[in-house]
Amino acid sequence: YTKLGCVAFHSTDGSIKLAPSFKGIYGKKEELNDGTFVTVNDDYIRQSILTPQKQVAKGYPPIMPTFQGRVSERDISGLVAFIKSLKD
């Protein structure tokens, strides 16, 4: 979360920053800028890390860079577990 710089954009306490808070987001339906909905699960988080411009949360700018080739599967799994731990 801090190593990748997520902390600058995503809060863990529900406060609003430049991107959605990680608090309580896992398992919820999230509306995207294109009007569709997705469930925030392992696959969605993984895709958001690797190809973030494909599914941007409604109300947020598409500013997240891709981390493809910059993070390991272990890092992704760790981030997913961290976000899951913040579930309400």
PDB file of N, CA and C in Angstrom:
ATOM      1  N   TYR A   1       0.829  -1.199   0.000  1.00  0.00           N
ATOM      2  CA  TYR A   1       0.000   0.000   0.000  1.00  0.00           C
ATOM      3  C   TYR A   1       0.867   1.253   0.000  1.00  0.00           C
ATOM      4  N   THR A   2       1.855   1.290   0.833  1.00  0.00           N
ATOM      5  CA  THR A   2       2.747   2.457   0.839  1.00  0.00           C
ATOM      6  C   THR A   2       3.863   2.313  -0.195  1.00  0.00           C
ATOM      7  N   LYS A   3       4.386   1.108  -0.350  1.00  0.00           N
ATOM      8  CA  LYS A   3       5.488   0.862  -1.285  1.00  0.00           C
ATOM      9  C   LYS A   3       5.119   1.256  -2.718  1.00  0.00           C
ATOM     10  N   LEU A   4       3.885   0.989  -3.100  1.00  0.00           N
ATOM     11  CA  LEU A   4       3.447   1.275  -4.468  1.00  0.00           C
ATOM     12  C   LEU A   4       2.894   2.689  -4.631  1.00  0.00           C
ATOM     13  N   GLY A   5       2.767   3.418  -3.532  1.00  0.00           N
ATOM     14  CA  GLY A   5       2.264   4.780  -3.612  1.00  0.00           C
ATOM     15  C   GLY A   5       0.752   4.904  -3.519  1.00  0.00           C
ATOM     16  N   CYS A   6       0.070   3.792  -3.259  1.00  0.00           N
ATOM     17  CA  CYS A   6      -1.398   3.801  -3.164  1.00  0.00           C
ATOM     18  C   CYS A   6      -1.878   4.788  -2.108  1.00  0.00           C
ATOM     19  N   VAL A   7      -1.105   4.943  -1.048  1.00  0.00           N
ATOM     20  CA  VAL A   7      -1.466   5.779   0.089  1.00  0.00           C
ATOM     21  C   VAL A   7      -1.733   7.230  -0.321  1.00  0.00           C
ATOM     22  N   ALA A   8      -1.122   7.692  -1.379  1.00  0.00           N
ATOM     23  CA  ALA A   8      -1.311   9.075  -1.815  1.00  0.00           C
ATOM     24  C   ALA A   8      -2.687   9.296  -2.440  1.00  0.00           C
ATOM     25  N   PHE A   9      -3.326   8.224  -2.901  1.00  0.00           N
ATOM     26  CA  PHE A   9      -4.579   8.349  -3.637  1.00  0.00           C
ATOM     27  C   PHE A   9      -5.769   7.663  -2.981  1.00  0.00           C
ATOM     28  N   HIS A  10      -5.521   6.559  -2.276  1.00  0.00           N
ATOM     29  CA  HIS A  10      -6.581   5.760  -1.645  1.00  0.00           C
ATOM     30  C   HIS A  10      -6.430   5.821  -0.128  1.00  0.00           C
ATOM     31  N   SER A  11      -7.505   6.177   0.572  1.00  0.00           N
ATOM     32  CA  SER A  11      -7.462   6.157   2.033  1.00  0.00           C
ATOM     33  C   SER A  11      -7.840   4.764   2.532  1.00  0.00           C
ATOM     34  N   THR A  12      -7.600   4.534   3.801  1.00  0.00           N
ATOM     35  CA  THR A  12      -8.015   3.277   4.431  1.00  0.00           C
ATOM     36  C   THR A  12      -9.039   3.529   5.531  1.00  0.00           C
ATOM     37  N   ASP A  13      -9.440   4.786   5.685  1.00  0.00           N
ATOM     38  CA  ASP A  13     -10.378   5.136   6.756  1.00  0.00           C
ATOM     39  C   ASP A  13     -11.722   5.646   6.246  1.00  0.00           C
ATOM     40  N   GLY A  14     -11.950   5.567   4.945  1.00  0.00           N
ATOM     41  CA  GLY A  14     -13.213   6.019   4.375  1.00  0.00           C
ATOM     42  C   GLY A  14     -13.187   7.452   3.881  1.00  0.00           C
ATOM     43  N   SER A  15     -12.125   8.187   4.187  1.00  0.00           N
ATOM     44  CA  SER A  15     -12.046   9.570   3.715  1.00  0.00           C
ATOM     45  C   SER A  15     -11.798   9.592   2.203  1.00  0.00           C
ATOM     46  N   ILE A  16     -12.228  10.674   1.583  1.00  0.00           N
ATOM     47  CA  ILE A  16     -12.119  10.807   0.130  1.00  0.00           C
ATOM     48  C   ILE A  16     -10.784  11.457  -0.229  1.00  0.00           C
ATOM     49  N   LYS A  17     -10.110  10.822  -1.173  1.00  0.00           N
ATOM     50  CA  LYS A  17      -8.889  11.390  -1.749  1.00  0.00           C
ATOM     51  C   LYS A  17      -9.132  11.475  -3.255  1.00  0.00           C
ATOM     52  N   LEU A  18      -8.118  11.249  -4.056  1.00  0.00           N
ATOM     53  CA  LEU A  18      -8.268  11.308  -5.510  1.00  0.00           C
ATOM     54  C   LEU A  18      -8.817  10.014  -6.113  1.00  0.00           C
ATOM     55  N   ALA A  19      -8.927   8.974  -5.291  1.00  0.00           N
ATOM     56  CA  ALA A  19      -9.429   7.673  -5.725  1.00  0.00           C
ATOM     57  C   ALA A  19     -10.267   7.086  -4.593  1.00  0.00           C
ATOM     58  N   PRO A  20     -11.053   6.060  -4.874  1.00  0.00           N
ATOM     59  CA  PRO A  20     -11.917   5.488  -3.831  1.00  0.00           C
ATOM     60  C   PRO A  20     -11.129   4.987  -2.622  1.00  0.00           C
ATOM     61  N   SER A  21     -11.745   5.103  -1.451  1.00  0.00           N
ATOM     62  CA  SER A  21     -11.153   4.573  -0.234  1.00  0.00           C
ATOM     63  C   SER A  21     -11.166   3.047  -0.291  1.00  0.00           C
ATOM     64  N   PHE A  22     -10.173   2.431   0.302  1.00  0.00           N
ATOM     65  CA  PHE A  22     -10.142   0.967   0.378  1.00  0.00           C
ATOM     66  C   PHE A  22     -11.026   0.439   1.505  1.00  0.00           C
ATOM     67  N   LYS A  23     -11.398   1.305   2.446  1.00  0.00           N
ATOM     68  CA  LYS A  23     -12.184   0.856   3.588  1.00  0.00           C
ATOM     69  C   LYS A  23     -13.575   0.394   3.150  1.00  0.00           C
ATOM     70  N   GLY A  24     -13.865  -0.857   3.436  1.00  0.00           N
ATOM     71  CA  GLY A  24     -15.184  -1.410   3.182  1.00  0.00           C
ATOM     72  C   GLY A  24     -15.556  -1.596   1.729  1.00  0.00           C
ATOM     73  N   ILE A  25     -14.615  -1.461   0.816  1.00  0.00           N
ATOM     74  CA  ILE A  25     -14.948  -1.548  -0.602  1.00  0.00           C
ATOM     75  C   ILE A  25     -15.029  -2.993  -1.105  1.00  0.00           C
ATOM     76  N   TYR A  26     -14.285  -3.896  -0.464  1.00  0.00           N
ATOM     77  CA  TYR A  26     -14.252  -5.274  -0.954  1.00  0.00           C
ATOM     78  C   TYR A  26     -15.643  -5.911  -0.844  1.00  0.00           C
ATOM     79  N   GLY A  27     -16.086  -6.499  -1.941  1.00  0.00           N
ATOM     80  CA  GLY A  27     -17.378  -7.178  -1.978  1.00  0.00           C
ATOM     81  C   GLY A  27     -18.543  -6.280  -2.367  1.00  0.00           C
ATOM     82  N   LYS A  28     -18.321  -4.981  -2.445  1.00  0.00           N
ATOM     83  CA  LYS A  28     -19.391  -4.042  -2.802  1.00  0.00           C
ATOM     84  C   LYS A  28     -19.494  -3.874  -4.310  1.00  0.00           C
ATOM     85  N   LYS A  29     -20.672  -3.451  -4.754  1.00  0.00           N
ATOM     86  CA  LYS A  29     -20.863  -3.088  -6.156  1.00  0.00           C
ATOM     87  C   LYS A  29     -20.375  -1.664  -6.321  1.00  0.00           C
ATOM     88  N   GLU A  30     -19.611  -1.444  -7.365  1.00  0.00           N
ATOM     89  CA  GLU A  30     -19.036  -0.126  -7.648  1.00  0.00           C
ATOM     90  C   GLU A  30     -19.502   0.306  -9.030  1.00  0.00           C
ATOM     91  N   GLU A  31     -20.022   1.515  -9.125  1.00  0.00           N
ATOM     92  CA  GLU A  31     -20.410   2.042 -10.431  1.00  0.00           C
ATOM     93  C   GLU A  31     -19.181   2.618 -11.111  1.00  0.00           C
ATOM     94  N   LEU A  32     -19.085   2.366 -12.406  1.00  0.00           N
ATOM     95  CA  LEU A  32     -17.953   2.851 -13.191  1.00  0.00           C
ATOM     96  C   LEU A  32     -18.359   4.080 -13.989  1.00  0.00           C
ATOM     97  N   ASN A  33     -17.371   4.811 -14.498  1.00  0.00           N
ATOM     98  CA  ASN A  33     -17.632   6.020 -15.283  1.00  0.00           C
ATOM     99  C   ASN A  33     -18.472   5.751 -16.521  1.00  0.00           C
ATOM    100  N   ASP A  34     -18.470   4.521 -17.033  1.00  0.00           N
ATOM    101  CA  ASP A  34     -19.270   4.207 -18.217  1.00  0.00           C
ATOM    102  C   ASP A  34     -20.697   3.783 -17.865  1.00  0.00           C
ATOM    103  N   GLY A  35     -21.065   3.840 -16.584  1.00  0.00           N
ATOM    104  CA  GLY A  35     -22.419   3.510 -16.154  1.00  0.00           C
ATOM    105  C   GLY A  35     -22.651   2.053 -15.801  1.00  0.00           C
ATOM    106  N   THR A  36     -21.662   1.209 -16.014  1.00  0.00           N
ATOM    107  CA  THR A  36     -21.801  -0.200 -15.649  1.00  0.00           C
ATOM    108  C   THR A  36     -21.389  -0.381 -14.190  1.00  0.00           C
ATOM    109  N   PHE A  37     -21.679  -1.560 -13.657  1.00  0.00           N
ATOM    110  CA  PHE A  37     -21.335  -1.873 -12.275  1.00  0.00           C
ATOM    111  C   PHE A  37     -20.448  -3.111 -12.236  1.00  0.00           C
ATOM    112  N   VAL A  38     -19.558  -3.142 -11.276  1.00  0.00           N
ATOM    113  CA  VAL A  38     -18.717  -4.307 -11.031  1.00  0.00           C
ATOM    114  C   VAL A  38     -18.721  -4.585  -9.538  1.00  0.00           C
ATOM    115  N   THR A  39     -18.447  -5.834  -9.188  1.00  0.00           N
ATOM    116  CA  THR A  39     -18.254  -6.181  -7.788  1.00  0.00           C
ATOM    117  C   THR A  39     -16.769  -6.111  -7.503  1.00  0.00           C
ATOM    118  N   VAL A  40     -16.409  -5.429  -6.449  1.00  0.00           N
ATOM    119  CA  VAL A  40     -15.000  -5.312  -6.078  1.00  0.00           C
ATOM    120  C   VAL A  40     -14.580  -6.629  -5.439  1.00  0.00           C
ATOM    121  N   ASN A  41     -13.836  -7.416  -6.216  1.00  0.00           N
ATOM    122  CA  ASN A  41     -13.359  -8.725  -5.763  1.00  0.00           C
ATOM    123  C   ASN A  41     -11.894  -8.864  -6.179  1.00  0.00           C
ATOM    124  N   ASP A  42     -11.344 -10.036  -5.974  1.00  0.00           N
ATOM    125  CA  ASP A  42      -9.927 -10.272  -6.307  1.00  0.00           C
ATOM    126  C   ASP A  42      -9.628  -9.920  -7.762  1.00  0.00           C
ATOM    127  N   ASP A  43     -10.485 -10.373  -8.672  1.00  0.00           N
ATOM    128  CA  ASP A  43     -10.245 -10.140 -10.101  1.00  0.00           C
ATOM    129  C   ASP A  43     -10.299  -8.656 -10.451  1.00  0.00           C
ATOM    130  N   TYR A  44     -11.296  -7.959  -9.906  1.00  0.00           N
ATOM    131  CA  TYR A  44     -11.420  -6.529 -10.187  1.00  0.00           C
ATOM    132  C   TYR A  44     -10.191  -5.770  -9.678  1.00  0.00           C
ATOM    133  N   ILE A  45      -9.757  -6.078  -8.471  1.00  0.00           N
ATOM    134  CA  ILE A  45      -8.589  -5.393  -7.914  1.00  0.00           C
ATOM    135  C   ILE A  45      -7.352  -5.679  -8.756  1.00  0.00           C
ATOM    136  N   ARG A  46      -7.181  -6.932  -9.123  1.00  0.00           N
ATOM    137  CA  ARG A  46      -6.024  -7.312  -9.953  1.00  0.00           C
ATOM    138  C   ARG A  46      -6.029  -6.541 -11.269  1.00  0.00           C
ATOM    139  N   GLN A  47      -7.193  -6.505 -11.942  1.00  0.00           N
ATOM    140  CA  GLN A  47      -7.293  -5.794 -13.213  1.00  0.00           C
ATOM    141  C   GLN A  47      -7.087  -4.296 -13.030  1.00  0.00           C
ATOM    142  N   SER A  48      -7.562  -3.762 -11.905  1.00  0.00           N
ATOM    143  CA  SER A  48      -7.390  -2.332 -11.638  1.00  0.00           C
ATOM    144  C   SER A  48      -5.920  -1.965 -11.457  1.00  0.00           C
ATOM    145  N   ILE A  49      -5.143  -2.886 -10.955  1.00  0.00           N
ATOM    146  CA  ILE A  49      -3.711  -2.654 -10.774  1.00  0.00           C
ATOM    147  C   ILE A  49      -2.982  -2.758 -12.119  1.00  0.00           C
ATOM    148  N   LEU A  50      -3.349  -3.748 -12.911  1.00  0.00           N
ATOM    149  CA  LEU A  50      -2.639  -4.006 -14.163  1.00  0.00           C
ATOM    150  C   LEU A  50      -3.134  -3.175 -15.339  1.00  0.00           C
ATOM    151  N   THR A  51      -4.448  -2.942 -15.424  1.00  0.00           N
ATOM    152  CA  THR A  51      -5.031  -2.159 -16.525  1.00  0.00           C
ATOM    153  C   THR A  51      -6.079  -1.197 -15.956  1.00  0.00           C
ATOM    154  N   PRO A  52      -5.641  -0.201 -15.201  1.00  0.00           N
ATOM    155  CA  PRO A  52      -6.565   0.658 -14.462  1.00  0.00           C
ATOM    156  C   PRO A  52      -7.503   1.503 -15.315  1.00  0.00           C
ATOM    157  N   GLN A  53      -7.161   1.777 -16.532  1.00  0.00           N
ATOM    158  CA  GLN A  53      -8.009   2.632 -17.361  1.00  0.00           C
ATOM    159  C   GLN A  53      -9.231   1.900 -17.923  1.00  0.00           C
ATOM    160  N   LYS A  54      -9.255   0.571 -17.811  1.00  0.00           N
ATOM    161  CA  LYS A  54     -10.375  -0.210 -18.349  1.00  0.00           C
ATOM    162  C   LYS A  54     -11.652  -0.034 -17.533  1.00  0.00           C
ATOM    163  N   GLN A  55     -11.536   0.131 -16.226  1.00  0.00           N
ATOM    164  CA  GLN A  55     -12.697   0.204 -15.348  1.00  0.00           C
ATOM    165  C   GLN A  55     -12.444   1.264 -14.273  1.00  0.00           C
ATOM    166  N   VAL A  56     -12.831   2.494 -14.572  1.00  0.00           N
ATOM    167  CA  VAL A  56     -12.592   3.610 -13.655  1.00  0.00           C
ATOM    168  C   VAL A  56     -13.857   3.871 -12.844  1.00  0.00           C
ATOM    169  N   ALA A  57     -13.706   3.990 -11.531  1.00  0.00           N
ATOM    170  CA  ALA A  57     -14.842   4.241 -10.643  1.00  0.00           C
ATOM    171  C   ALA A  57     -15.487   5.583 -10.965  1.00  0.00           C
ATOM    172  N   LYS A  58     -16.813   5.592 -10.926  1.00  0.00           N
ATOM    173  CA  LYS A  58     -17.570   6.803 -11.237  1.00  0.00           C
ATOM    174  C   LYS A  58     -17.185   7.937 -10.299  1.00  0.00           C
ATOM    175  N   GLY A  59     -17.013   9.111 -10.906  1.00  0.00           N
ATOM    176  CA  GLY A  59     -16.698  10.291 -10.132  1.00  0.00           C
ATOM    177  C   GLY A  59     -15.221  10.534  -9.895  1.00  0.00           C
ATOM    178  N   TYR A  60     -14.403   9.626 -10.398  1.00  0.00           N
ATOM    179  CA  TYR A  60     -12.958   9.770 -10.208  1.00  0.00           C
ATOM    180  C   TYR A  60     -12.270   9.909 -11.557  1.00  0.00           C
ATOM    181  N   PRO A  61     -11.206  10.707 -11.626  1.00  0.00           N
ATOM    182  CA  PRO A  61     -10.474  10.840 -12.890  1.00  0.00           C
ATOM    183  C   PRO A  61      -9.651   9.586 -13.173  1.00  0.00           C
ATOM    184  N   PRO A  62      -9.406   9.294 -14.436  1.00  0.00           N
ATOM    185  CA  PRO A  62      -8.599   8.120 -14.803  1.00  0.00           C
ATOM    186  C   PRO A  62      -7.104   8.399 -14.685  1.00  0.00           C
ATOM    187  N   ILE A  63      -6.643   8.564 -13.453  1.00  0.00           N
ATOM    188  CA  ILE A  63      -5.257   8.983 -13.237  1.00  0.00           C
ATOM    189  C   ILE A  63      -4.323   7.868 -12.791  1.00  0.00           C
ATOM    190  N   MET A  64      -4.878   6.699 -12.482  1.00  0.00           N
ATOM    191  CA  MET A  64      -4.011   5.635 -11.977  1.00  0.00           C
ATOM    192  C   MET A  64      -3.145   5.058 -13.104  1.00  0.00           C
ATOM    193  N   PRO A  65      -1.834   4.977 -12.868  1.00  0.00           N
ATOM    194  CA  PRO A  65      -0.958   4.372 -13.873  1.00  0.00           C
ATOM    195  C   PRO A  65      -1.035   2.850 -13.807  1.00  0.00           C
ATOM    196  N   THR A  66      -0.634   2.215 -14.866  1.00  0.00           N
ATOM    197  CA  THR A  66      -0.565   0.755 -14.844  1.00  0.00           C
ATOM    198  C   THR A  66       0.646   0.320 -14.025  1.00  0.00           C
ATOM    199  N   PHE A  67       0.476  -0.790 -13.344  1.00  0.00           N
ATOM    200  CA  PHE A  67       1.591  -1.366 -12.598  1.00  0.00           C
ATOM    201  C   PHE A  67       2.036  -2.668 -13.250  1.00  0.00           C
ATOM    202  N   GLN A  68       1.556  -2.915 -14.462  1.00  0.00           N
ATOM    203  CA  GLN A  68       1.938  -4.112 -15.200  1.00  0.00           C
ATOM    204  C   GLN A  68       3.442  -4.098 -15.421  1.00  0.00           C
ATOM    205  N   GLY A  69       4.078  -5.207 -15.068  1.00  0.00           N
ATOM    206  CA  GLY A  69       5.521  -5.307 -15.201  1.00  0.00           C
ATOM    207  C   GLY A  69       6.284  -4.664 -14.051  1.00  0.00           C
ATOM    208  N   ARG A  70       5.561  -4.029 -13.126  1.00  0.00           N
ATOM    209  CA  ARG A  70       6.202  -3.346 -12.003  1.00  0.00           C
ATOM    210  C   ARG A  70       5.891  -3.998 -10.663  1.00  0.00           C
ATOM    211  N   VAL A  71       4.892  -4.899 -10.649  1.00  0.00           N
ATOM    212  CA  VAL A  71       4.520  -5.591  -9.413  1.00  0.00           C
ATOM    213  C   VAL A  71       4.480  -7.095  -9.670  1.00  0.00           C
ATOM    214  N   SER A  72       4.780  -7.828  -8.643  1.00  0.00           N
ATOM    215  CA  SER A  72       4.731  -9.287  -8.748  1.00  0.00           C
ATOM    216  C   SER A  72       3.335  -9.782  -8.385  1.00  0.00           C
ATOM    217  N   GLU A  73       3.059 -11.017  -8.716  1.00  0.00           N
ATOM    218  CA  GLU A  73       1.793 -11.630  -8.311  1.00  0.00           C
ATOM    219  C   GLU A  73       1.681 -11.639  -6.794  1.00  0.00           C
ATOM    220  N   ARG A  74       2.799 -11.803  -6.125  1.00  0.00           N
ATOM    221  CA  ARG A  74       2.804 -11.793  -4.653  1.00  0.00           C
ATOM    222  C   ARG A  74       2.391 -10.420  -4.124  1.00  0.00           C
ATOM    223  N   ASP A  75       2.901  -9.349  -4.748  1.00  0.00           N
ATOM    224  CA  ASP A  75       2.509  -7.995  -4.354  1.00  0.00           C
ATOM    225  C   ASP A  75       1.008  -7.784  -4.557  1.00  0.00           C
ATOM    226  N   ILE A  76       0.501  -8.252  -5.684  1.00  0.00           N
ATOM    227  CA  ILE A  76      -0.928  -8.113  -5.980  1.00  0.00           C
ATOM    228  C   ILE A  76      -1.748  -8.878  -4.949  1.00  0.00           C
ATOM    229  N   SER A  77      -1.356 -10.109  -4.667  1.00  0.00           N
ATOM    230  CA  SER A  77      -2.070 -10.915  -3.669  1.00  0.00           C
ATOM    231  C   SER A  77      -2.040 -10.243  -2.302  1.00  0.00           C
ATOM    232  N   GLY A  78      -0.918  -9.653  -1.969  1.00  0.00           N
ATOM    233  CA  GLY A  78      -0.796  -8.954  -0.695  1.00  0.00           C
ATOM    234  C   GLY A  78      -1.706  -7.741  -0.621  1.00  0.00           C
ATOM    235  N   LEU A  79      -1.788  -7.002  -1.713  1.00  0.00           N
ATOM    236  CA  LEU A  79      -2.659  -5.832  -1.739  1.00  0.00           C
ATOM    237  C   LEU A  79      -4.129  -6.255  -1.661  1.00  0.00           C
ATOM    238  N   VAL A  80      -4.493  -7.314  -2.356  1.00  0.00           N
ATOM    239  CA  VAL A  80      -5.860  -7.828  -2.291  1.00  0.00           C
ATOM    240  C   VAL A  80      -6.190  -8.236  -0.850  1.00  0.00           C
ATOM    241  N   ALA A  81      -5.284  -8.939  -0.203  1.00  0.00           N
ATOM    242  CA  ALA A  81      -5.509  -9.359   1.191  1.00  0.00           C
ATOM    243  C   ALA A  81      -5.640  -8.144   2.107  1.00  0.00           C
ATOM    244  N   PHE A  82      -4.835  -7.121   1.864  1.00  0.00           N
ATOM    245  CA  PHE A  82      -4.904  -5.905   2.665  1.00  0.00           C
ATOM    246  C   PHE A  82      -6.278  -5.244   2.505  1.00  0.00           C
ATOM    247  N   ILE A  83      -6.741  -5.109   1.263  1.00  0.00           N
ATOM    248  CA  ILE A  83      -8.048  -4.477   1.009  1.00  0.00           C
ATOM    249  C   ILE A  83      -9.162  -5.308   1.634  1.00  0.00           C
ATOM    250  N   LYS A  84      -9.075  -6.632   1.533  1.00  0.00           N
ATOM    251  CA  LYS A  84     -10.060  -7.510   2.174  1.00  0.00           C
ATOM    252  C   LYS A  84     -10.098  -7.285   3.685  1.00  0.00           C
ATOM    253  N   SER A  85      -8.955  -7.045   4.284  1.00  0.00           N
ATOM    254  CA  SER A  85      -8.886  -6.864   5.738  1.00  0.00           C
ATOM    255  C   SER A  85      -9.577  -5.582   6.192  1.00  0.00           C
ATOM    256  N   LEU A  86      -9.825  -4.673   5.260  1.00  0.00           N
ATOM    257  CA  LEU A  86     -10.472  -3.406   5.584  1.00  0.00           C
ATOM    258  C   LEU A  86     -11.986  -3.472   5.399  1.00  0.00           C
ATOM    259  N   LYS A  87     -12.502  -4.666   5.136  1.00  0.00           N
ATOM    260  CA  LYS A  87     -13.929  -4.850   4.918  1.00  0.00           C
ATOM    261  C   LYS A  87     -14.697  -4.520   6.191  1.00  0.00           C
ATOM    262  N   ASP A  88     -15.831  -3.847   6.022  1.00  0.00           N
ATOM    263  CA  ASP A  88     -16.659  -3.488   7.198  1.00  0.00           C
ATOM    264  C   ASP A  88     -17.179  -4.700   7.914  1.00  0.00           C
TER     265      ASP A  88
END
